[in-house]
Amino acid sequence: MKRNFQFDSFSVVRWGDRFIDLHNAYDLKSFGTDLKGNEVRLGFIRNEYAIDPDKLPSKVTLACTGKVRVAFNNLGEIAAPLNNEGIEIAYFDEGCDWLSFLDEDTARSQEPLGLHISFINGFALRIFCDEATLATQ
């Protein structure tokens, strides 16, 4: 999976010389696919818990493209709204069960299959893709 970012730790995205804490400083605002199912987008918005909010982008988007597939651990765990649930994001590979994911060092030594996203309530999803791209506003 090609990507224009790395995880400094779970949910902390390192993008160039910037660090973006998706767990503490952002809420999930949107999750969806395009009509053809060729892209998945996760939209985040900076919340009131952000430290030095003026130094952080107000919005962050993760776009997953190329041979996209999405898997869920248990659709019955979906709670609304998910943006109030703590979120963890990292990579996963074939050996990861639904309760685990890869850190950056492990991901660097092998090619991760995609992104693993889990919520406090137990809901988790995996996005298989060829490329993951971070963009900010």
N, C-alpha and C. Protein backbone atom coordinates (compact mmCIF):
# COMPACT_ATOMS: atom_id res chain seq x y z
N MET A 1 0.84 -1.18 0.00
CA MET A 1 0.00 0.00 0.00
C MET A 1 0.88 1.24 0.00
N LYS A 2 0.78 2.04 -1.04
CA LYS A 2 1.48 3.30 -1.09
C LYS A 2 0.76 4.29 -0.20
N ARG A 3 1.52 5.20 0.43
CA ARG A 3 0.92 6.20 1.30
C ARG A 3 1.81 7.43 1.37
N ASN A 4 1.22 8.58 1.57
CA ASN A 4 1.99 9.82 1.67
C ASN A 4 2.15 10.26 3.12
N PHE A 5 1.99 9.33 4.05
CA PHE A 5 2.10 9.62 5.48
C PHE A 5 2.61 8.37 6.18
N GLN A 6 2.95 8.53 7.46
CA GLN A 6 3.30 7.42 8.33
C GLN A 6 2.60 7.65 9.66
N PHE A 7 2.52 6.60 10.46
CA PHE A 7 2.01 6.75 11.81
C PHE A 7 3.19 6.86 12.76
N ASP A 8 3.23 7.93 13.56
CA ASP A 8 4.28 8.09 14.56
C ASP A 8 3.99 7.17 15.73
N SER A 9 2.75 7.03 16.07
CA SER A 9 2.23 6.02 16.98
C SER A 9 0.81 5.80 16.51
N PHE A 10 0.10 4.87 17.10
CA PHE A 10 -1.24 4.60 16.62
C PHE A 10 -2.05 5.89 16.61
N SER A 11 -2.65 6.20 15.52
CA SER A 11 -3.54 7.34 15.31
C SER A 11 -2.84 8.69 15.21
N VAL A 12 -1.52 8.76 15.41
CA VAL A 12 -0.80 10.02 15.23
C VAL A 12 -0.12 9.95 13.87
N VAL A 13 -0.65 10.74 12.94
CA VAL A 13 -0.15 10.72 11.57
C VAL A 13 1.04 11.66 11.46
N ARG A 14 2.13 11.15 10.89
CA ARG A 14 3.30 11.98 10.59
C ARG A 14 3.26 12.26 9.09
N TRP A 15 3.10 13.51 8.74
CA TRP A 15 2.95 13.92 7.35
C TRP A 15 3.96 15.02 7.10
N GLY A 16 5.07 14.66 6.49
CA GLY A 16 6.18 15.60 6.36
C GLY A 16 6.73 15.89 7.75
N ASP A 17 6.76 17.17 8.13
CA ASP A 17 7.25 17.53 9.46
C ASP A 17 6.10 17.83 10.43
N ARG A 18 4.87 17.47 10.05
CA ARG A 18 3.70 17.73 10.89
C ARG A 18 3.22 16.45 11.56
N PHE A 19 2.67 16.62 12.77
CA PHE A 19 2.09 15.51 13.51
C PHE A 19 0.62 15.82 13.76
N ILE A 20 -0.25 14.91 13.36
CA ILE A 20 -1.69 15.12 13.47
C ILE A 20 -2.27 13.98 14.29
N ASP A 21 -2.77 14.28 15.48
CA ASP A 21 -3.30 13.29 16.40
C ASP A 21 -4.79 13.08 16.12
N LEU A 22 -5.10 12.07 15.31
CA LEU A 22 -6.49 11.82 14.93
C LEU A 22 -7.32 11.29 16.09
N HIS A 23 -6.70 10.71 17.10
CA HIS A 23 -7.45 10.16 18.24
C HIS A 23 -7.92 11.26 19.19
N ASN A 24 -7.04 12.17 19.53
CA ASN A 24 -7.36 13.18 20.55
C ASN A 24 -7.82 14.52 19.99
N ALA A 25 -7.28 14.94 18.87
CA ALA A 25 -7.53 16.29 18.38
C ALA A 25 -8.58 16.37 17.28
N TYR A 26 -9.10 15.22 16.83
CA TYR A 26 -10.06 15.22 15.72
C TYR A 26 -11.21 14.26 16.00
N ASP A 27 -12.35 14.59 15.39
CA ASP A 27 -13.52 13.72 15.41
C ASP A 27 -13.78 13.25 13.99
N LEU A 28 -14.26 12.03 13.87
CA LEU A 28 -14.67 11.53 12.56
C LEU A 28 -15.93 12.26 12.14
N LYS A 29 -15.88 12.90 11.00
CA LYS A 29 -17.01 13.67 10.51
C LYS A 29 -17.78 12.93 9.41
N SER A 30 -17.04 12.16 8.60
CA SER A 30 -17.69 11.46 7.50
C SER A 30 -16.90 10.21 7.12
N PHE A 31 -17.64 9.25 6.58
CA PHE A 31 -17.04 8.02 6.07
C PHE A 31 -17.92 7.58 4.91
N GLY A 32 -17.32 7.36 3.75
CA GLY A 32 -18.13 6.95 2.62
C GLY A 32 -17.30 6.56 1.42
N THR A 33 -18.00 6.09 0.40
CA THR A 33 -17.35 5.69 -0.84
C THR A 33 -17.92 6.53 -1.98
N ASP A 34 -17.21 6.52 -3.10
CA ASP A 34 -17.78 7.14 -4.29
C ASP A 34 -18.80 6.17 -4.88
N LEU A 35 -19.55 6.62 -5.86
CA LEU A 35 -20.62 5.80 -6.42
C LEU A 35 -20.13 4.51 -7.05
N LYS A 36 -18.94 4.52 -7.62
CA LYS A 36 -18.40 3.31 -8.25
C LYS A 36 -17.71 2.38 -7.25
N GLY A 37 -17.47 2.85 -6.04
CA GLY A 37 -16.79 2.03 -5.04
C GLY A 37 -15.30 1.94 -5.25
N ASN A 38 -14.72 2.90 -5.98
CA ASN A 38 -13.28 2.90 -6.24
C ASN A 38 -12.49 3.69 -5.21
N GLU A 39 -13.19 4.35 -4.30
CA GLU A 39 -12.52 5.19 -3.32
C GLU A 39 -13.31 5.20 -2.02
N VAL A 40 -12.58 5.18 -0.91
CA VAL A 40 -13.17 5.37 0.41
C VAL A 40 -12.54 6.62 1.00
N ARG A 41 -13.36 7.46 1.59
CA ARG A 41 -12.87 8.69 2.22
C ARG A 41 -13.31 8.75 3.67
N LEU A 42 -12.37 9.12 4.53
CA LEU A 42 -12.67 9.41 5.93
C LEU A 42 -12.37 10.87 6.15
N GLY A 43 -13.35 11.60 6.63
CA GLY A 43 -13.18 13.01 6.91
C GLY A 43 -13.14 13.27 8.40
N PHE A 44 -12.18 14.05 8.85
CA PHE A 44 -12.01 14.39 10.25
C PHE A 44 -12.07 15.90 10.41
N ILE A 45 -12.60 16.34 11.54
CA ILE A 45 -12.65 17.76 11.85
C ILE A 45 -12.00 17.98 13.23
N ARG A 46 -11.22 19.03 13.32
CA ARG A 46 -10.52 19.34 14.58
C ARG A 46 -11.55 19.62 15.67
N ASN A 47 -11.29 19.08 16.86
CA ASN A 47 -12.24 19.26 17.97
C ASN A 47 -11.69 20.22 19.02
N GLU A 48 -12.45 20.42 20.08
CA GLU A 48 -12.07 21.36 21.13
C GLU A 48 -10.94 20.86 22.03
N TYR A 49 -10.53 19.59 21.89
CA TYR A 49 -9.46 19.03 22.71
C TYR A 49 -8.08 19.20 22.09
N ALA A 50 -8.02 19.75 20.89
CA ALA A 50 -6.74 19.92 20.19
C ALA A 50 -5.84 20.89 20.95
N ILE A 51 -4.60 20.49 21.12
CA ILE A 51 -3.58 21.35 21.72
C ILE A 51 -3.00 22.21 20.61
N ASP A 52 -2.85 23.50 20.85
CA ASP A 52 -2.39 24.45 19.83
C ASP A 52 -3.20 24.32 18.55
N PRO A 53 -4.51 24.53 18.63
CA PRO A 53 -5.36 24.32 17.45
C PRO A 53 -4.98 25.19 16.25
N ASP A 54 -4.41 26.37 16.49
CA ASP A 54 -4.03 27.23 15.37
C ASP A 54 -2.91 26.64 14.53
N LYS A 55 -2.19 25.68 15.08
CA LYS A 55 -1.10 25.04 14.34
C LYS A 55 -1.56 23.77 13.61
N LEU A 56 -2.83 23.41 13.78
CA LEU A 56 -3.37 22.20 13.17
C LEU A 56 -4.37 22.54 12.08
N PRO A 57 -4.45 21.73 11.03
CA PRO A 57 -5.49 21.96 10.02
C PRO A 57 -6.87 21.74 10.62
N SER A 58 -7.85 22.48 10.13
CA SER A 58 -9.21 22.34 10.65
C SER A 58 -9.86 21.05 10.18
N LYS A 59 -9.45 20.57 9.00
CA LYS A 59 -10.02 19.33 8.45
C LYS A 59 -8.90 18.45 7.90
N VAL A 60 -9.08 17.15 8.05
CA VAL A 60 -8.14 16.17 7.52
C VAL A 60 -8.96 15.12 6.77
N THR A 61 -8.48 14.73 5.60
CA THR A 61 -9.15 13.69 4.82
C THR A 61 -8.17 12.58 4.50
N LEU A 62 -8.58 11.35 4.74
CA LEU A 62 -7.83 10.17 4.29
C LEU A 62 -8.60 9.55 3.14
N ALA A 63 -7.96 9.44 1.99
CA ALA A 63 -8.59 8.83 0.83
C ALA A 63 -7.87 7.54 0.49
N CYS A 64 -8.63 6.47 0.35
CA CYS A 64 -8.09 5.15 0.00
C CYS A 64 -8.57 4.80 -1.40
N THR A 65 -7.64 4.48 -2.29
CA THR A 65 -7.98 4.24 -3.69
C THR A 65 -7.30 2.98 -4.21
N GLY A 66 -7.78 2.49 -5.34
CA GLY A 66 -7.17 1.36 -6.04
C GLY A 66 -7.51 0.03 -5.42
N LYS A 67 -8.34 -0.77 -6.09
CA LYS A 67 -8.75 -2.09 -5.60
C LYS A 67 -9.27 -2.01 -4.17
N VAL A 68 -10.17 -1.13 -3.93
CA VAL A 68 -10.69 -0.87 -2.58
C VAL A 68 -11.69 -1.94 -2.17
N ARG A 69 -11.51 -2.44 -0.96
CA ARG A 69 -12.48 -3.32 -0.32
C ARG A 69 -12.58 -2.90 1.14
N VAL A 70 -13.76 -3.03 1.70
CA VAL A 70 -13.96 -2.66 3.10
C VAL A 70 -14.53 -3.86 3.83
N ALA A 71 -13.97 -4.17 5.01
CA ALA A 71 -14.45 -5.27 5.85
C ALA A 71 -14.77 -4.73 7.23
N PHE A 72 -15.81 -5.27 7.85
CA PHE A 72 -16.26 -4.86 9.18
C PHE A 72 -16.20 -6.06 10.12
N ASN A 73 -15.88 -5.82 11.39
CA ASN A 73 -15.87 -6.93 12.34
C ASN A 73 -17.27 -7.32 12.77
N ASN A 74 -18.16 -6.33 12.98
CA ASN A 74 -19.51 -6.63 13.46
C ASN A 74 -20.38 -5.41 13.22
N LEU A 75 -21.24 -5.49 12.22
CA LEU A 75 -22.08 -4.34 11.90
C LEU A 75 -23.03 -3.98 13.04
N GLY A 76 -23.31 -4.94 13.92
CA GLY A 76 -24.17 -4.67 15.08
C GLY A 76 -23.54 -3.73 16.08
N GLU A 77 -22.23 -3.50 15.97
CA GLU A 77 -21.53 -2.62 16.91
C GLU A 77 -21.60 -1.15 16.50
N ILE A 78 -22.14 -0.88 15.31
CA ILE A 78 -22.18 0.52 14.86
C ILE A 78 -23.09 1.32 15.78
N ALA A 79 -22.56 2.37 16.32
CA ALA A 79 -23.34 3.28 17.17
C ALA A 79 -23.33 4.65 16.52
N ALA A 80 -24.39 5.36 16.65
CA ALA A 80 -24.43 6.69 16.05
C ALA A 80 -24.47 7.73 17.17
N PRO A 81 -23.74 8.79 17.08
CA PRO A 81 -22.75 9.05 16.03
C PRO A 81 -21.38 8.48 16.40
N LEU A 82 -20.67 7.98 15.41
CA LEU A 82 -19.34 7.43 15.66
C LEU A 82 -18.32 8.52 15.98
N ASN A 83 -18.61 9.77 15.61
CA ASN A 83 -17.62 10.81 15.84
C ASN A 83 -17.40 11.10 17.32
N ASN A 84 -18.27 10.61 18.19
CA ASN A 84 -18.07 10.78 19.63
C ASN A 84 -17.33 9.61 20.26
N GLU A 85 -16.99 8.62 19.47
CA GLU A 85 -16.24 7.46 19.95
C GLU A 85 -14.76 7.66 19.66
N GLY A 86 -13.89 7.33 20.60
CA GLY A 86 -12.46 7.41 20.36
C GLY A 86 -12.08 6.51 19.21
N ILE A 87 -11.21 6.98 18.36
CA ILE A 87 -10.84 6.24 17.16
C ILE A 87 -9.34 5.96 17.17
N GLU A 88 -8.97 4.76 16.77
CA GLU A 88 -7.56 4.38 16.60
C GLU A 88 -7.37 3.96 15.15
N ILE A 89 -6.31 4.43 14.54
CA ILE A 89 -6.02 4.07 13.15
C ILE A 89 -4.57 3.63 13.05
N ALA A 90 -4.35 2.54 12.34
CA ALA A 90 -3.01 2.07 12.04
C ALA A 90 -3.12 1.14 10.83
N TYR A 91 -2.07 0.39 10.56
CA TYR A 91 -2.05 -0.54 9.44
C TYR A 91 -2.41 -1.93 9.93
N PHE A 92 -2.71 -2.82 8.98
CA PHE A 92 -2.90 -4.23 9.31
C PHE A 92 -2.31 -5.09 8.20
N ASP A 93 -2.04 -6.34 8.53
CA ASP A 93 -1.58 -7.30 7.53
C ASP A 93 -2.38 -8.59 7.68
N GLU A 94 -1.98 -9.63 6.96
CA GLU A 94 -2.73 -10.89 6.99
C GLU A 94 -2.74 -11.54 8.37
N GLY A 95 -1.72 -11.29 9.19
CA GLY A 95 -1.63 -11.92 10.49
C GLY A 95 -2.37 -11.22 11.61
N CYS A 96 -2.91 -10.03 11.35
CA CYS A 96 -3.59 -9.26 12.40
C CYS A 96 -5.01 -9.75 12.61
N ASP A 97 -5.34 -10.07 13.86
CA ASP A 97 -6.75 -10.34 14.15
C ASP A 97 -7.45 -8.99 14.33
N TRP A 98 -8.74 -9.01 14.63
CA TRP A 98 -9.50 -7.77 14.70
C TRP A 98 -9.15 -6.92 15.90
N LEU A 99 -8.41 -7.46 16.85
CA LEU A 99 -8.04 -6.67 18.04
C LEU A 99 -6.63 -6.10 17.94
N SER A 100 -5.95 -6.32 16.82
CA SER A 100 -4.57 -5.84 16.72
C SER A 100 -4.32 -5.16 15.38
N PHE A 101 -3.26 -4.36 15.38
CA PHE A 101 -2.82 -3.72 14.15
C PHE A 101 -1.32 -3.46 14.24
N LEU A 102 -0.72 -3.00 13.16
CA LEU A 102 0.73 -2.87 13.05
C LEU A 102 1.20 -1.46 13.38
N ASP A 103 2.36 -1.38 14.02
CA ASP A 103 2.96 -0.07 14.21
C ASP A 103 3.81 0.27 12.98
N GLU A 104 4.35 1.47 12.95
CA GLU A 104 5.08 1.94 11.77
C GLU A 104 6.33 1.12 11.51
N ASP A 105 7.06 0.72 12.55
CA ASP A 105 8.27 -0.07 12.35
C ASP A 105 7.96 -1.40 11.67
N THR A 106 6.91 -2.07 12.13
CA THR A 106 6.52 -3.34 11.51
C THR A 106 6.03 -3.11 10.09
N ALA A 107 5.24 -2.07 9.89
CA ALA A 107 4.72 -1.77 8.56
C ALA A 107 5.84 -1.45 7.58
N ARG A 108 6.90 -0.84 8.06
CA ARG A 108 8.04 -0.51 7.21
C ARG A 108 8.76 -1.77 6.74
N SER A 109 8.76 -2.81 7.56
CA SER A 109 9.48 -4.03 7.21
C SER A 109 8.67 -4.98 6.34
N GLN A 110 7.41 -4.70 6.17
CA GLN A 110 6.55 -5.50 5.31
C GLN A 110 5.51 -4.58 4.70
N GLU A 111 4.81 -5.05 3.71
CA GLU A 111 3.83 -4.19 3.05
C GLU A 111 2.46 -4.39 3.71
N PRO A 112 1.94 -3.38 4.42
CA PRO A 112 0.61 -3.53 5.03
C PRO A 112 -0.46 -3.62 3.94
N LEU A 113 -1.57 -4.29 4.26
CA LEU A 113 -2.66 -4.45 3.30
C LEU A 113 -3.58 -3.24 3.24
N GLY A 114 -3.64 -2.48 4.32
CA GLY A 114 -4.53 -1.33 4.36
C GLY A 114 -4.58 -0.73 5.74
N LEU A 115 -5.66 0.01 5.99
CA LEU A 115 -5.84 0.70 7.26
C LEU A 115 -6.82 -0.03 8.16
N HIS A 116 -6.49 -0.12 9.44
CA HIS A 116 -7.36 -0.70 10.47
C HIS A 116 -7.87 0.46 11.31
N ILE A 117 -9.18 0.60 11.41
CA ILE A 117 -9.80 1.68 12.16
C ILE A 117 -10.70 1.08 13.21
N SER A 118 -10.46 1.39 14.48
CA SER A 118 -11.28 0.82 15.54
C SER A 118 -11.81 1.93 16.45
N PHE A 119 -12.98 1.67 17.01
CA PHE A 119 -13.67 2.62 17.87
C PHE A 119 -13.78 2.03 19.28
N ILE A 120 -13.95 2.89 20.27
CA ILE A 120 -14.03 2.46 21.67
C ILE A 120 -15.13 1.44 21.89
N ASN A 121 -16.24 1.56 21.15
CA ASN A 121 -17.37 0.66 21.37
C ASN A 121 -17.15 -0.75 20.81
N GLY A 122 -15.98 -1.02 20.22
CA GLY A 122 -15.68 -2.35 19.70
C GLY A 122 -15.83 -2.49 18.21
N PHE A 123 -16.47 -1.53 17.55
CA PHE A 123 -16.62 -1.56 16.11
C PHE A 123 -15.26 -1.33 15.45
N ALA A 124 -14.94 -2.11 14.44
CA ALA A 124 -13.69 -1.95 13.70
C ALA A 124 -13.96 -2.18 12.22
N LEU A 125 -13.20 -1.48 11.40
CA LEU A 125 -13.28 -1.73 9.97
C LEU A 125 -11.89 -1.73 9.40
N ARG A 126 -11.77 -2.41 8.28
CA ARG A 126 -10.49 -2.47 7.57
C ARG A 126 -10.72 -2.06 6.14
N ILE A 127 -9.85 -1.20 5.67
CA ILE A 127 -9.92 -0.74 4.30
C ILE A 127 -8.71 -1.30 3.56
N PHE A 128 -8.97 -2.26 2.68
CA PHE A 128 -7.94 -2.79 1.80
C PHE A 128 -7.81 -1.82 0.63
N CYS A 129 -6.60 -1.43 0.27
CA CYS A 129 -6.44 -0.49 -0.83
C CYS A 129 -5.01 -0.53 -1.35
N ASP A 130 -4.83 0.05 -2.52
CA ASP A 130 -3.48 0.17 -3.09
C ASP A 130 -2.77 1.42 -2.62
N GLU A 131 -3.56 2.47 -2.35
CA GLU A 131 -2.94 3.74 -1.97
C GLU A 131 -3.80 4.47 -0.96
N ALA A 132 -3.15 5.08 0.04
CA ALA A 132 -3.83 5.90 1.04
C ALA A 132 -3.17 7.27 1.02
N THR A 133 -3.99 8.31 0.91
CA THR A 133 -3.48 9.66 0.77
C THR A 133 -4.11 10.56 1.81
N LEU A 134 -3.29 11.31 2.51
CA LEU A 134 -3.74 12.29 3.50
C LEU A 134 -3.76 13.67 2.86
N ALA A 135 -4.82 14.41 3.10
CA ALA A 135 -4.93 15.80 2.66
C ALA A 135 -5.49 16.63 3.80
N THR A 136 -5.12 17.91 3.87
CA THR A 136 -5.59 18.78 4.94
C THR A 136 -6.18 20.05 4.36
N GLN A 137 -6.99 20.71 5.19
CA GLN A 137 -7.55 22.02 4.84
C GLN A 137 -7.36 22.96 6.00
